[in-house]
Amino acid sequence: MKFTASINVMPHKALLDPQGKAVTHSMKNLNLEQIQNVRIGRHITLEVEAGDENTAREAVDTACKKLLSNPIMESYDFKLEQA
């Protein structure tokens, strides 16, 4: 079975996000003061070939923990759908 994973990796809320801060500041320059506290992360999609959903979920979780995110600085979540 094929599955598609949509993964979001974001910096921990307690950590400084320089990109987000720069974008937040730029919103003011565009007269969009109502937009505040921008946080910037990454969105990753990948395909998984697995026998069942639990096996696919475990594979994606392992990839996120070991390669796609830095658990010291980032958190992640993902959605898994059958392709």
Protein backbone atom coordinates (compact mmCIF):
# COMPACT_ATOMS: atom_id res chain seq x y z
CA MET A 1 0.00 0.00 0.00
CA LYS A 2 1.13 3.53 -0.71
CA PHE A 3 0.68 6.36 1.73
CA THR A 4 1.36 10.08 1.47
CA ALA A 5 2.65 11.92 4.53
CA SER A 6 2.31 15.68 4.98
CA ILE A 7 4.78 16.80 7.63
CA ASN A 8 5.05 20.19 9.35
CA VAL A 9 8.26 21.05 11.21
CA MET A 10 8.23 24.16 13.37
CA PRO A 11 10.68 25.77 15.79
CA HIS A 12 9.75 25.35 19.46
CA LYS A 13 7.70 28.29 20.68
CA ALA A 14 10.25 29.05 23.40
CA LEU A 15 13.01 29.61 20.81
CA LEU A 16 13.71 32.75 18.84
CA ASP A 17 12.57 32.57 15.21
CA PRO A 18 14.62 35.20 13.32
CA GLN A 19 12.85 34.58 10.00
CA GLY A 20 9.45 34.89 11.64
CA LYS A 21 10.51 38.05 13.42
CA ALA A 22 11.71 39.60 10.13
CA VAL A 23 8.43 38.74 8.41
CA THR A 24 6.42 40.10 11.35
CA HIS A 25 8.36 43.37 11.07
CA SER A 26 7.76 43.47 7.30
CA MET A 27 4.01 43.14 7.86
CA LYS A 28 4.09 46.52 9.59
CA ASN A 29 5.81 48.00 6.53
CA LEU A 30 2.91 46.70 4.41
CA ASN A 31 0.33 48.27 6.74
CA LEU A 32 -0.65 44.82 8.00
CA GLU A 33 -0.14 45.54 11.70
CA GLN A 34 -2.93 43.10 12.58
CA ILE A 35 -0.61 40.20 11.59
CA GLN A 36 1.71 39.41 14.49
CA ASN A 37 3.95 36.67 15.88
CA VAL A 38 4.78 34.98 12.56
CA ARG A 39 6.59 31.64 12.93
CA ILE A 40 8.29 30.04 9.94
CA GLY A 41 8.90 26.33 9.56
CA ARG A 42 9.00 23.70 6.83
CA HIS A 43 6.38 21.58 5.08
CA ILE A 44 7.53 18.21 3.72
CA THR A 45 5.59 15.64 1.73
CA LEU A 46 6.74 12.11 1.06
CA GLU A 47 5.40 8.78 -0.12
CA VAL A 48 5.69 5.59 1.91
CA GLU A 49 5.27 2.03 0.68
CA ALA A 50 4.11 -0.10 3.62
CA GLY A 51 1.96 -3.11 4.38
CA ASP A 52 -0.41 -1.16 6.63
CA GLU A 53 -1.03 2.29 8.10
CA ASN A 54 0.70 1.60 11.42
CA THR A 55 3.91 0.53 9.68
CA ALA A 56 3.80 3.63 7.47
CA ARG A 57 3.15 5.84 10.51
CA GLU A 58 6.14 4.34 12.34
CA ALA A 59 8.40 4.88 9.31
CA VAL A 60 7.38 8.54 8.98
CA ASP A 61 7.80 9.11 12.72
CA THR A 62 11.30 7.60 12.62
CA ALA A 63 12.24 9.75 9.61
CA CYS A 64 11.02 12.87 11.41
CA LYS A 65 12.90 12.04 14.62
CA LYS A 66 16.17 11.00 12.98
CA LEU A 67 16.44 13.17 9.87
CA LEU A 68 13.71 15.69 9.12
CA SER A 69 13.65 17.59 12.43
CA ASN A 70 16.02 18.58 15.20
CA PRO A 71 14.15 17.55 18.38
CA ILE A 72 16.19 19.99 20.47
CA MET A 73 14.96 22.99 18.48
CA GLU A 74 11.92 21.81 16.53
CA SER A 75 8.65 19.96 16.86
CA TYR A 76 6.77 18.15 14.13
CA ASP A 77 3.39 16.72 13.31
CA PHE A 78 2.17 14.82 10.30
CA LYS A 79 -0.93 13.58 8.56
CA LEU A 80 -0.90 10.25 6.76
CA GLU A 81 -3.29 9.42 3.91
CA GLN A 82 -3.61 6.40 1.68
CA ALA A 83 -2.42 7.33 -1.82
